[in-house]
Amino acid sequence: MYLKNHRKLYEELNSILEKLLFGIDTYYSKDLVLNSEGMKLLSRAIRIINTLYPQLRFLINEVRADPTYNVIIKLVSRIKELIEPS
């Protein structure tokens, strides 16, 4: 049950992060700051990240303070490092 729930969370997080990375016209303003729809997605992603990766709480604080495209990329890169260590 635990693994099944985590698998669903990973899939949902992956979907949200893809939308945030590739939906620039939809989820960001002209200056690449998340708009209200983007913030809704980010809020859901943060809840999942806090469950799956509690060690990223400091980076989450940075994302909340500065919800720009560059900071979202930084978050995704950090998650990718945790999933696929070099």
C-alpha atoms as a PDB file:
ATOM      1  CA  MET A   1       0.000   0.000   0.000  1.00  0.00           C
ATOM      2  CA  TYR A   2       2.785   2.409   0.978  1.00  0.00           C
ATOM      3  CA  LEU A   3       4.726   1.875  -2.251  1.00  0.00           C
ATOM      4  CA  LYS A   4       1.593   2.106  -4.344  1.00  0.00           C
ATOM      5  CA  ASN A   5       0.736   5.491  -2.808  1.00  0.00           C
ATOM      6  CA  HIS A   6       4.280   6.748  -3.313  1.00  0.00           C
ATOM      7  CA  ARG A   7       4.228   5.610  -6.936  1.00  0.00           C
ATOM      8  CA  LYS A   8       1.079   7.671  -7.488  1.00  0.00           C
ATOM      9  CA  LEU A   9       2.689  10.661  -5.815  1.00  0.00           C
ATOM     10  CA  TYR A  10       5.802  10.334  -8.012  1.00  0.00           C
ATOM     11  CA  GLU A  11       3.619  10.180 -11.119  1.00  0.00           C
ATOM     12  CA  GLU A  12       1.559  13.190 -10.057  1.00  0.00           C
ATOM     13  CA  LEU A  13       4.682  15.177  -9.155  1.00  0.00           C
ATOM     14  CA  ASN A  14       6.274  14.336 -12.494  1.00  0.00           C
ATOM     15  CA  SER A  15       3.156  15.526 -14.320  1.00  0.00           C
ATOM     16  CA  ILE A  16       3.009  18.796 -12.374  1.00  0.00           C
ATOM     17  CA  LEU A  17       6.700  19.535 -12.856  1.00  0.00           C
ATOM     18  CA  GLU A  18       6.435  18.872 -16.592  1.00  0.00           C
ATOM     19  CA  LYS A  19       3.581  21.371 -16.787  1.00  0.00           C
ATOM     20  CA  LEU A  20       5.615  23.942 -14.866  1.00  0.00           C
ATOM     21  CA  LEU A  21       8.699  23.400 -17.037  1.00  0.00           C
ATOM     22  CA  PHE A  22       7.035  23.297 -20.441  1.00  0.00           C
ATOM     23  CA  GLY A  23       3.911  25.419 -19.917  1.00  0.00           C
ATOM     24  CA  ILE A  24       5.616  28.783 -19.887  1.00  0.00           C
ATOM     25  CA  ASP A  25       2.841  30.565 -21.810  1.00  0.00           C
ATOM     26  CA  THR A  26       0.167  29.040 -19.563  1.00  0.00           C
ATOM     27  CA  TYR A  27       1.670  29.199 -16.076  1.00  0.00           C
ATOM     28  CA  TYR A  28       4.046  32.190 -16.117  1.00  0.00           C
ATOM     29  CA  SER A  29       3.748  35.939 -16.559  1.00  0.00           C
ATOM     30  CA  LYS A  30       5.846  37.890 -19.057  1.00  0.00           C
ATOM     31  CA  ASP A  31       8.676  38.200 -16.545  1.00  0.00           C
ATOM     32  CA  LEU A  32       8.656  34.405 -15.898  1.00  0.00           C
ATOM     33  CA  VAL A  33       7.023  34.522 -12.477  1.00  0.00           C
ATOM     34  CA  LEU A  34       4.315  31.946 -11.776  1.00  0.00           C
ATOM     35  CA  ASN A  35       0.788  33.241 -12.292  1.00  0.00           C
ATOM     36  CA  SER A  36      -2.191  32.135 -10.170  1.00  0.00           C
ATOM     37  CA  GLU A  37      -2.686  28.877 -12.094  1.00  0.00           C
ATOM     38  CA  GLY A  38       1.015  28.130 -11.816  1.00  0.00           C
ATOM     39  CA  MET A  39       0.916  28.822  -8.082  1.00  0.00           C
ATOM     40  CA  LYS A  40      -1.925  26.306  -7.692  1.00  0.00           C
ATOM     41  CA  LEU A  41       0.226  23.661  -9.372  1.00  0.00           C
ATOM     42  CA  LEU A  42       3.239  24.658  -7.302  1.00  0.00           C
ATOM     43  CA  SER A  43       1.225  24.362  -4.075  1.00  0.00           C
ATOM     44  CA  ARG A  44       0.233  20.803  -4.938  1.00  0.00           C
ATOM     45  CA  ALA A  45       3.812  19.972  -5.966  1.00  0.00           C
ATOM     46  CA  ILE A  46       5.117  21.338  -2.656  1.00  0.00           C
ATOM     47  CA  ARG A  47       2.750  19.125  -0.662  1.00  0.00           C
ATOM     48  CA  ILE A  48       4.011  16.088  -2.582  1.00  0.00           C
ATOM     49  CA  ILE A  49       7.669  17.134  -2.314  1.00  0.00           C
ATOM     50  CA  ASN A  50       7.320  17.578   1.444  1.00  0.00           C
ATOM     51  CA  THR A  51       6.061  13.991   1.625  1.00  0.00           C
ATOM     52  CA  LEU A  52       8.629  12.425  -0.700  1.00  0.00           C
ATOM     53  CA  TYR A  53      11.666  14.672  -0.121  1.00  0.00           C
ATOM     54  CA  PRO A  54      11.460  16.370   3.303  1.00  0.00           C
ATOM     55  CA  GLN A  55      15.162  17.245   3.018  1.00  0.00           C
ATOM     56  CA  LEU A  56      14.249  19.850   0.366  1.00  0.00           C
ATOM     57  CA  ARG A  57      12.299  22.065   2.778  1.00  0.00           C
ATOM     58  CA  PHE A  58      14.872  24.877   2.579  1.00  0.00           C
ATOM     59  CA  LEU A  59      14.725  24.888  -1.215  1.00  0.00           C
ATOM     60  CA  ILE A  60      10.919  24.872  -0.996  1.00  0.00           C
ATOM     61  CA  ASN A  61      11.130  28.052   1.091  1.00  0.00           C
ATOM     62  CA  GLU A  62      13.231  29.628  -1.652  1.00  0.00           C
ATOM     63  CA  VAL A  63      10.708  28.593  -4.310  1.00  0.00           C
ATOM     64  CA  ARG A  64       7.841  30.079  -2.300  1.00  0.00           C
ATOM     65  CA  ALA A  65       9.740  33.350  -1.833  1.00  0.00           C
ATOM     66  CA  ASP A  66      10.789  33.587  -5.493  1.00  0.00           C
ATOM     67  CA  PRO A  67       8.456  31.543  -7.743  1.00  0.00           C
ATOM     68  CA  THR A  68      10.331  32.214 -10.978  1.00  0.00           C
ATOM     69  CA  TYR A  69      11.118  29.869 -13.823  1.00  0.00           C
ATOM     70  CA  ASN A  70      14.822  29.724 -12.884  1.00  0.00           C
ATOM     71  CA  VAL A  71      14.066  28.689  -9.315  1.00  0.00           C
ATOM     72  CA  ILE A  72      11.611  26.022 -10.545  1.00  0.00           C
ATOM     73  CA  ILE A  73      14.395  24.660 -12.773  1.00  0.00           C
ATOM     74  CA  LYS A  74      16.697  24.584  -9.731  1.00  0.00           C
ATOM     75  CA  LEU A  75      14.058  22.611  -7.784  1.00  0.00           C
ATOM     76  CA  VAL A  76      13.541  20.107 -10.588  1.00  0.00           C
ATOM     77  CA  SER A  77      17.310  19.651 -10.965  1.00  0.00           C
ATOM     78  CA  ARG A  78      17.671  18.956  -7.252  1.00  0.00           C
ATOM     79  CA  ILE A  79      14.859  16.386  -7.326  1.00  0.00           C
ATOM     80  CA  LYS A  80      16.454  14.750 -10.344  1.00  0.00           C
ATOM     81  CA  GLU A  81      19.767  14.502  -8.456  1.00  0.00           C
ATOM     82  CA  LEU A  82      17.975  12.717  -5.611  1.00  0.00           C
ATOM     83  CA  ILE A  83      16.293  10.276  -7.977  1.00  0.00           C
ATOM     84  CA  GLU A  84      19.350   9.633 -10.164  1.00  0.00           C
ATOM     85  CA  PRO A  85      22.498  10.119  -8.086  1.00  0.00           C
ATOM     86  CA  SER A  86      25.660  10.435 -10.164  1.00  0.00           C
END
